[in-house]
Amino acid sequence: MNAAADDASERTTARARGALAVVRILLFLEAAAVVAVVGWLVIDLFALRPSSYATAIALIVVAALGAVWTVANAVGAVRLAGWSRASAIVWQFLQLSVAIGAFQGLFARADIGWLLLIPAVVVVGLLLWPPVRLAYSNEERGTAAS
C-alpha cells in the first residue's frame, strides 16, 4: 500500500515539476516579449515623428515598468518566491484583458489576441493547480517563518 502511495506521490511531483517548467518558460517568453515591445517603442520614437513626444515617452516608461515587472516575475518563478505566484497571476489577468481588447474594435487583431490569451489561461491554470501552488508555499520547502 505504501509503494502505491509513494508511486502516486512521485507521479504528482513529476507533473508539478513539469508544470513549473512550463510556467517558467511562459513567464520568460512573456518577459522577452515585453522587453522587445519596449525596444520597438524606443526605436519608433527616434525613427518616426510622434504626434506627442510626451505621450510617446510616457508610453515607453509604462512599458518599461511592465518589462521590469515581468522579468521580476520570471526570476521569482525560478526561485519559487511566494510573491511571484500572485504577481504572475495579476499580470496574466492584465494580459487577458489586453487579449480581449485585441479581438474587437476597428483595429482588431485576432492573431495577437490568441497569442496573448492562450499563455495567460495556461499560466493561471497551472499556478492555481494545487501541486504548483504548494511548490510556491514556504511550508513545502521547509523555510516557513516561525
N, C-alpha and C. Protein backbone atom coordinates (compact mmCIF):
# COMPACT_ATOMS: atom_id res chain seq x y z
N MET A 1 0.82 -1.19 0.00
CA MET A 1 0.00 0.00 0.00
C MET A 1 0.87 1.26 0.00
N ASN A 2 1.96 1.25 0.77
CA ASN A 2 2.86 2.39 0.80
C ASN A 2 3.55 2.59 -0.53
N ALA A 3 3.90 1.50 -1.21
CA ALA A 3 4.56 1.60 -2.51
C ALA A 3 3.65 2.27 -3.51
N ALA A 4 2.37 1.95 -3.50
CA ALA A 4 1.41 2.57 -4.42
C ALA A 4 1.26 4.05 -4.10
N ALA A 5 1.20 4.40 -2.83
CA ALA A 5 1.07 5.80 -2.44
C ALA A 5 2.32 6.58 -2.82
N ASP A 6 3.50 5.97 -2.61
CA ASP A 6 4.75 6.63 -2.99
C ASP A 6 4.82 6.83 -4.49
N ASP A 7 4.36 5.84 -5.27
CA ASP A 7 4.36 5.94 -6.73
C ASP A 7 3.44 7.07 -7.19
N ALA A 8 2.26 7.16 -6.59
CA ALA A 8 1.32 8.23 -6.95
C ALA A 8 1.88 9.59 -6.58
N SER A 9 2.52 9.67 -5.42
CA SER A 9 3.13 10.92 -4.98
C SER A 9 4.27 11.33 -5.92
N GLU A 10 5.05 10.34 -6.35
CA GLU A 10 6.16 10.62 -7.27
C GLU A 10 5.66 11.12 -8.62
N ARG A 11 4.56 10.52 -9.12
CA ARG A 11 3.98 10.97 -10.39
C ARG A 11 3.47 12.40 -10.27
N THR A 12 2.81 12.72 -9.16
CA THR A 12 2.30 14.08 -8.94
C THR A 12 3.45 15.06 -8.86
N THR A 13 4.52 14.69 -8.17
CA THR A 13 5.68 15.56 -8.07
C THR A 13 6.31 15.79 -9.44
N ALA A 14 6.40 14.74 -10.25
CA ALA A 14 6.96 14.88 -11.60
C ALA A 14 6.08 15.79 -12.45
N ARG A 15 4.77 15.64 -12.33
CA ARG A 15 3.86 16.52 -13.08
C ARG A 15 3.98 17.96 -12.61
N ALA A 16 4.12 18.15 -11.30
CA ALA A 16 4.28 19.50 -10.77
C ALA A 16 5.57 20.13 -11.27
N ARG A 17 6.65 19.34 -11.32
CA ARG A 17 7.91 19.86 -11.87
C ARG A 17 7.76 20.25 -13.33
N GLY A 18 7.04 19.44 -14.09
CA GLY A 18 6.78 19.76 -15.49
C GLY A 18 5.94 21.01 -15.63
N ALA A 19 4.92 21.13 -14.78
CA ALA A 19 4.07 22.32 -14.82
C ALA A 19 4.86 23.57 -14.44
N LEU A 20 5.73 23.45 -13.44
CA LEU A 20 6.58 24.58 -13.05
C LEU A 20 7.50 24.99 -14.19
N ALA A 21 8.01 24.01 -14.91
CA ALA A 21 8.88 24.32 -16.05
C ALA A 21 8.10 25.07 -17.13
N VAL A 22 6.87 24.65 -17.40
CA VAL A 22 6.04 25.33 -18.39
C VAL A 22 5.76 26.76 -17.94
N VAL A 23 5.42 26.94 -16.67
CA VAL A 23 5.14 28.28 -16.14
C VAL A 23 6.37 29.17 -16.30
N ARG A 24 7.52 28.65 -15.92
CA ARG A 24 8.75 29.45 -16.02
C ARG A 24 9.06 29.82 -17.46
N ILE A 25 8.93 28.88 -18.37
CA ILE A 25 9.20 29.15 -19.78
C ILE A 25 8.26 30.22 -20.31
N LEU A 26 6.97 30.07 -20.02
CA LEU A 26 6.00 31.06 -20.50
C LEU A 26 6.24 32.43 -19.88
N LEU A 27 6.60 32.49 -18.61
CA LEU A 27 6.87 33.79 -17.98
C LEU A 27 8.10 34.45 -18.60
N PHE A 28 9.13 33.66 -18.89
CA PHE A 28 10.31 34.25 -19.55
C PHE A 28 10.00 34.68 -20.98
N LEU A 29 9.17 33.93 -21.68
CA LEU A 29 8.78 34.35 -23.03
C LEU A 29 7.97 35.64 -22.99
N GLU A 30 7.06 35.75 -22.03
CA GLU A 30 6.29 36.98 -21.88
C GLU A 30 7.20 38.15 -21.54
N ALA A 31 8.16 37.92 -20.65
CA ALA A 31 9.10 38.98 -20.28
C ALA A 31 9.92 39.42 -21.50
N ALA A 32 10.37 38.47 -22.29
CA ALA A 32 11.13 38.80 -23.50
C ALA A 32 10.27 39.60 -24.48
N ALA A 33 9.00 39.24 -24.59
CA ALA A 33 8.10 39.96 -25.48
C ALA A 33 7.89 41.41 -25.02
N VAL A 34 7.74 41.61 -23.73
CA VAL A 34 7.54 42.97 -23.22
C VAL A 34 8.82 43.79 -23.39
N VAL A 35 9.96 43.18 -23.16
CA VAL A 35 11.23 43.88 -23.38
C VAL A 35 11.37 44.24 -24.86
N ALA A 36 10.96 43.34 -25.75
CA ALA A 36 11.01 43.63 -27.19
C ALA A 36 10.08 44.78 -27.55
N VAL A 37 8.91 44.84 -26.92
CA VAL A 37 7.98 45.94 -27.17
C VAL A 37 8.61 47.27 -26.74
N VAL A 38 9.29 47.28 -25.61
CA VAL A 38 9.96 48.50 -25.15
C VAL A 38 11.02 48.92 -26.17
N GLY A 39 11.81 47.97 -26.63
CA GLY A 39 12.81 48.29 -27.66
C GLY A 39 12.19 48.83 -28.92
N TRP A 40 11.09 48.23 -29.34
CA TRP A 40 10.38 48.68 -30.54
C TRP A 40 9.85 50.11 -30.35
N LEU A 41 9.31 50.39 -29.18
CA LEU A 41 8.80 51.74 -28.92
C LEU A 41 9.91 52.78 -28.91
N VAL A 42 11.07 52.42 -28.37
CA VAL A 42 12.21 53.35 -28.35
C VAL A 42 12.68 53.61 -29.78
N ILE A 43 12.79 52.56 -30.58
CA ILE A 43 13.20 52.72 -31.97
C ILE A 43 12.20 53.59 -32.73
N ASP A 44 10.91 53.34 -32.50
CA ASP A 44 9.88 54.15 -33.15
C ASP A 44 9.97 55.62 -32.74
N LEU A 45 10.32 55.88 -31.50
CA LEU A 45 10.42 57.25 -31.02
C LEU A 45 11.47 58.02 -31.81
N PHE A 46 12.58 57.34 -32.13
CA PHE A 46 13.64 58.02 -32.88
C PHE A 46 13.46 57.94 -34.39
N ALA A 47 12.80 56.90 -34.87
CA ALA A 47 12.65 56.72 -36.32
C ALA A 47 11.45 57.48 -36.89
N LEU A 48 10.42 57.63 -36.11
CA LEU A 48 9.21 58.29 -36.56
C LEU A 48 8.97 59.55 -35.73
N ARG A 49 8.15 60.43 -36.26
CA ARG A 49 7.81 61.64 -35.51
C ARG A 49 6.46 61.43 -34.84
N PRO A 50 6.45 61.28 -33.51
CA PRO A 50 5.16 61.08 -32.83
C PRO A 50 4.35 62.36 -32.81
N SER A 51 3.05 62.23 -32.73
CA SER A 51 2.20 63.41 -32.64
C SER A 51 2.38 64.11 -31.30
N SER A 52 2.80 63.36 -30.29
CA SER A 52 3.07 63.94 -28.97
C SER A 52 4.27 63.21 -28.36
N TYR A 53 5.36 63.95 -28.19
CA TYR A 53 6.53 63.34 -27.57
C TYR A 53 6.26 62.96 -26.12
N ALA A 54 5.48 63.77 -25.42
CA ALA A 54 5.18 63.48 -24.01
C ALA A 54 4.43 62.15 -23.89
N THR A 55 3.46 61.93 -24.78
CA THR A 55 2.70 60.68 -24.74
C THR A 55 3.58 59.49 -25.11
N ALA A 56 4.43 59.68 -26.12
CA ALA A 56 5.31 58.59 -26.54
C ALA A 56 6.28 58.21 -25.43
N ILE A 57 6.84 59.20 -24.76
CA ILE A 57 7.77 58.91 -23.67
C ILE A 57 7.04 58.27 -22.49
N ALA A 58 5.84 58.75 -22.19
CA ALA A 58 5.06 58.16 -21.11
C ALA A 58 4.73 56.70 -21.41
N LEU A 59 4.40 56.40 -22.66
CA LEU A 59 4.12 55.02 -23.05
C LEU A 59 5.37 54.14 -22.89
N ILE A 60 6.52 54.67 -23.25
CA ILE A 60 7.77 53.93 -23.09
C ILE A 60 8.05 53.67 -21.61
N VAL A 61 7.82 54.66 -20.77
CA VAL A 61 8.06 54.49 -19.33
C VAL A 61 7.13 53.42 -18.76
N VAL A 62 5.85 53.47 -19.13
CA VAL A 62 4.90 52.46 -18.63
C VAL A 62 5.28 51.07 -19.14
N ALA A 63 5.65 50.98 -20.40
CA ALA A 63 6.06 49.69 -20.96
C ALA A 63 7.34 49.18 -20.28
N ALA A 64 8.26 50.09 -19.97
CA ALA A 64 9.50 49.69 -19.29
C ALA A 64 9.19 49.18 -17.88
N LEU A 65 8.25 49.81 -17.19
CA LEU A 65 7.84 49.32 -15.88
C LEU A 65 7.22 47.93 -16.00
N GLY A 66 6.42 47.72 -17.03
CA GLY A 66 5.86 46.39 -17.28
C GLY A 66 6.95 45.37 -17.56
N ALA A 67 7.99 45.79 -18.28
CA ALA A 67 9.10 44.88 -18.58
C ALA A 67 9.84 44.49 -17.31
N VAL A 68 10.09 45.47 -16.45
CA VAL A 68 10.75 45.17 -15.18
C VAL A 68 9.89 44.22 -14.36
N TRP A 69 8.59 44.45 -14.34
CA TRP A 69 7.67 43.60 -13.59
C TRP A 69 7.70 42.17 -14.11
N THR A 70 7.61 42.00 -15.45
CA THR A 70 7.57 40.64 -15.99
C THR A 70 8.89 39.91 -15.80
N VAL A 71 10.00 40.62 -15.92
CA VAL A 71 11.29 39.99 -15.68
C VAL A 71 11.40 39.57 -14.20
N ALA A 72 10.95 40.43 -13.29
CA ALA A 72 10.97 40.07 -11.87
C ALA A 72 10.08 38.86 -11.60
N ASN A 73 8.91 38.80 -12.26
CA ASN A 73 8.03 37.63 -12.10
C ASN A 73 8.74 36.36 -12.56
N ALA A 74 9.39 36.42 -13.69
CA ALA A 74 10.05 35.23 -14.24
C ALA A 74 11.19 34.78 -13.33
N VAL A 75 12.00 35.72 -12.86
CA VAL A 75 13.10 35.37 -11.96
C VAL A 75 12.54 34.84 -10.64
N GLY A 76 11.47 35.47 -10.14
CA GLY A 76 10.84 34.99 -8.91
C GLY A 76 10.27 33.59 -9.07
N ALA A 77 9.78 33.27 -10.26
CA ALA A 77 9.25 31.92 -10.51
C ALA A 77 10.36 30.88 -10.46
N VAL A 78 11.52 31.23 -10.94
CA VAL A 78 12.66 30.31 -10.87
C VAL A 78 13.03 30.05 -9.41
N ARG A 79 12.96 31.09 -8.61
CA ARG A 79 13.30 30.97 -7.19
C ARG A 79 12.14 30.46 -6.33
N LEU A 80 10.98 30.25 -6.96
CA LEU A 80 9.76 29.84 -6.26
C LEU A 80 9.39 30.81 -5.14
N ALA A 81 9.59 32.09 -5.38
CA ALA A 81 9.21 33.12 -4.42
C ALA A 81 7.69 33.19 -4.35
N GLY A 82 7.15 33.18 -3.16
CA GLY A 82 5.71 33.17 -2.99
C GLY A 82 5.03 34.37 -3.61
N TRP A 83 5.66 35.55 -3.54
CA TRP A 83 5.07 36.76 -4.11
C TRP A 83 4.95 36.66 -5.63
N SER A 84 5.86 35.92 -6.26
CA SER A 84 5.87 35.88 -7.73
C SER A 84 4.66 35.16 -8.29
N ARG A 85 4.12 34.20 -7.55
CA ARG A 85 2.92 33.48 -8.00
C ARG A 85 1.75 34.45 -8.09
N ALA A 86 1.51 35.21 -7.03
CA ALA A 86 0.40 36.17 -7.03
C ALA A 86 0.63 37.26 -8.08
N SER A 87 1.84 37.74 -8.16
CA SER A 87 2.17 38.78 -9.13
C SER A 87 1.99 38.29 -10.56
N ALA A 88 2.40 37.05 -10.81
CA ALA A 88 2.24 36.48 -12.15
C ALA A 88 0.77 36.31 -12.51
N ILE A 89 -0.06 35.95 -11.53
CA ILE A 89 -1.49 35.82 -11.79
C ILE A 89 -2.08 37.18 -12.15
N VAL A 90 -1.69 38.22 -11.42
CA VAL A 90 -2.17 39.57 -11.74
C VAL A 90 -1.75 39.96 -13.16
N TRP A 91 -0.49 39.68 -13.50
CA TRP A 91 -0.02 40.01 -14.86
C TRP A 91 -0.84 39.26 -15.91
N GLN A 92 -1.16 38.01 -15.65
CA GLN A 92 -1.91 37.21 -16.61
C GLN A 92 -3.30 37.80 -16.82
N PHE A 93 -3.93 38.31 -15.77
CA PHE A 93 -5.24 38.92 -15.93
C PHE A 93 -5.15 40.23 -16.70
N LEU A 94 -4.08 40.98 -16.51
CA LEU A 94 -3.88 42.18 -17.33
C LEU A 94 -3.67 41.78 -18.79
N GLN A 95 -2.90 40.75 -19.00
CA GLN A 95 -2.66 40.25 -20.36
C GLN A 95 -3.96 39.74 -20.98
N LEU A 96 -4.77 39.08 -20.17
CA LEU A 96 -6.06 38.59 -20.63
C LEU A 96 -6.95 39.74 -21.09
N SER A 97 -6.96 40.84 -20.35
CA SER A 97 -7.80 41.98 -20.74
C SER A 97 -7.30 42.63 -22.03
N VAL A 98 -5.99 42.67 -22.22
CA VAL A 98 -5.46 43.19 -23.49
C VAL A 98 -5.81 42.25 -24.63
N ALA A 99 -5.77 40.95 -24.37
CA ALA A 99 -6.13 39.96 -25.40
C ALA A 99 -7.58 40.13 -25.82
N ILE A 100 -8.47 40.31 -24.85
CA ILE A 100 -9.88 40.50 -25.19
C ILE A 100 -10.06 41.76 -26.02
N GLY A 101 -9.33 42.82 -25.67
CA GLY A 101 -9.38 44.05 -26.45
C GLY A 101 -8.85 43.87 -27.86
N ALA A 102 -7.91 42.96 -28.05
CA ALA A 102 -7.33 42.72 -29.37
C ALA A 102 -8.32 42.04 -30.31
N PHE A 103 -9.34 41.40 -29.76
CA PHE A 103 -10.33 40.72 -30.60
C PHE A 103 -11.41 41.66 -31.13
N GLN A 104 -11.48 42.88 -30.63
CA GLN A 104 -12.59 43.76 -31.00
C GLN A 104 -12.10 45.13 -31.39
N GLY A 105 -12.99 45.90 -31.98
CA GLY A 105 -12.69 47.27 -32.34
C GLY A 105 -12.27 47.42 -33.78
N LEU A 106 -11.96 48.66 -34.14
CA LEU A 106 -11.61 48.99 -35.51
C LEU A 106 -10.29 48.35 -35.93
N PHE A 107 -9.35 48.26 -35.02
CA PHE A 107 -8.04 47.69 -35.34
C PHE A 107 -7.87 46.31 -34.71
N ALA A 108 -8.90 45.50 -34.74
CA ALA A 108 -8.88 44.17 -34.13
C ALA A 108 -7.81 43.30 -34.78
N ARG A 109 -7.08 42.58 -33.93
CA ARG A 109 -6.05 41.64 -34.39
C ARG A 109 -6.23 40.34 -33.64
N ALA A 110 -6.98 39.43 -34.24
CA ALA A 110 -7.25 38.14 -33.58
C ALA A 110 -5.97 37.35 -33.35
N ASP A 111 -5.00 37.47 -34.24
CA ASP A 111 -3.74 36.73 -34.07
C ASP A 111 -3.02 37.17 -32.79
N ILE A 112 -2.96 38.46 -32.54
CA ILE A 112 -2.34 38.96 -31.32
C ILE A 112 -3.19 38.57 -30.11
N GLY A 113 -4.49 38.63 -30.27
CA GLY A 113 -5.38 38.22 -29.18
C GLY A 113 -5.13 36.80 -28.73
N TRP A 114 -5.01 35.88 -29.69
CA TRP A 114 -4.76 34.47 -29.34
C TRP A 114 -3.37 34.28 -28.74
N LEU A 115 -2.37 35.04 -29.25
CA LEU A 115 -1.01 34.94 -28.71
C LEU A 115 -0.94 35.41 -27.26
N LEU A 116 -1.84 36.30 -26.88
CA LEU A 116 -1.88 36.77 -25.50
C LEU A 116 -2.80 35.92 -24.63
N LEU A 117 -3.89 35.46 -25.20
CA LEU A 117 -4.91 34.75 -24.43
C LEU A 117 -4.47 33.34 -24.00
N ILE A 118 -3.92 32.58 -24.93
CA ILE A 118 -3.59 31.18 -24.63
C ILE A 118 -2.55 31.06 -23.51
N PRO A 119 -1.41 31.78 -23.58
CA PRO A 119 -0.46 31.64 -22.47
C PRO A 119 -1.02 32.14 -21.14
N ALA A 120 -1.84 33.18 -21.17
CA ALA A 120 -2.41 33.70 -19.93
C ALA A 120 -3.30 32.66 -19.26
N VAL A 121 -4.14 32.00 -20.04
CA VAL A 121 -5.02 30.98 -19.48
C VAL A 121 -4.20 29.79 -18.97
N VAL A 122 -3.19 29.38 -19.71
CA VAL A 122 -2.36 28.24 -19.31
C VAL A 122 -1.62 28.56 -18.00
N VAL A 123 -1.01 29.74 -17.92
CA VAL A 123 -0.23 30.09 -16.73
C VAL A 123 -1.15 30.20 -15.50
N VAL A 124 -2.30 30.85 -15.64
CA VAL A 124 -3.21 30.96 -14.50
C VAL A 124 -3.67 29.58 -14.06
N GLY A 125 -4.02 28.74 -15.02
CA GLY A 125 -4.46 27.39 -14.68
C GLY A 125 -3.39 26.61 -13.95
N LEU A 126 -2.16 26.70 -14.41
CA LEU A 126 -1.07 25.97 -13.76
C LEU A 126 -0.73 26.55 -12.40
N LEU A 127 -0.75 27.87 -12.27
CA LEU A 127 -0.43 28.48 -10.99
C LEU A 127 -1.50 28.21 -9.93
N LEU A 128 -2.72 27.92 -10.36
CA LEU A 128 -3.79 27.60 -9.42
C LEU A 128 -3.89 26.11 -9.13
N TRP A 129 -3.16 25.29 -9.87
CA TRP A 129 -3.17 23.83 -9.66
C TRP A 129 -2.52 23.55 -8.30
N PRO A 130 -3.17 22.77 -7.42
CA PRO A 130 -2.66 22.57 -6.05
C PRO A 130 -1.19 22.14 -5.94
N PRO A 131 -0.68 21.20 -6.74
CA PRO A 131 0.75 20.85 -6.58
C PRO A 131 1.68 22.03 -6.89
N VAL A 132 1.33 22.85 -7.86
CA VAL A 132 2.17 24.02 -8.18
C VAL A 132 2.03 25.05 -7.07
N ARG A 133 0.80 25.25 -6.61
CA ARG A 133 0.57 26.19 -5.52
C ARG A 133 1.39 25.80 -4.29
N LEU A 134 1.41 24.50 -3.98
CA LEU A 134 2.20 24.03 -2.84
C LEU A 134 3.70 24.23 -3.05
N ALA A 135 4.15 24.11 -4.28
CA ALA A 135 5.57 24.31 -4.57
C ALA A 135 6.00 25.75 -4.25
N TYR A 136 5.07 26.70 -4.41
CA TYR A 136 5.37 28.10 -4.12
C TYR A 136 5.24 28.43 -2.64
N SER A 137 4.66 27.54 -1.87
CA SER A 137 4.45 27.85 -0.45
C SER A 137 5.73 27.62 0.33
N ASN A 138 5.94 28.40 1.36
CA ASN A 138 7.13 28.27 2.21
C ASN A 138 7.14 26.97 2.98
N GLU A 139 5.96 26.47 3.35
CA GLU A 139 5.89 25.24 4.12
C GLU A 139 6.44 24.06 3.33
N GLU A 140 6.19 24.06 2.03
CA GLU A 140 6.63 22.94 1.17
C GLU A 140 8.16 22.84 1.15
N ARG A 141 8.84 23.97 1.18
CA ARG A 141 10.31 23.99 1.11
C ARG A 141 10.96 23.92 2.48
N GLY A 142 10.13 23.96 3.54
CA GLY A 142 10.69 23.87 4.88
C GLY A 142 11.35 25.14 5.35
N THR A 143 10.98 26.29 4.76
CA THR A 143 11.58 27.57 5.16
C THR A 143 10.53 28.48 5.76
N ALA A 144 9.53 27.92 6.38
CA ALA A 144 8.46 28.74 6.96
C ALA A 144 9.03 29.58 8.10
N ALA A 145 8.55 30.82 8.15
CA ALA A 145 8.97 31.71 9.23
C ALA A 145 8.28 31.30 10.53
N SER A 146 9.01 31.32 11.60
CA SER A 146 8.43 30.92 12.89
C SER A 146 7.73 32.07 13.55
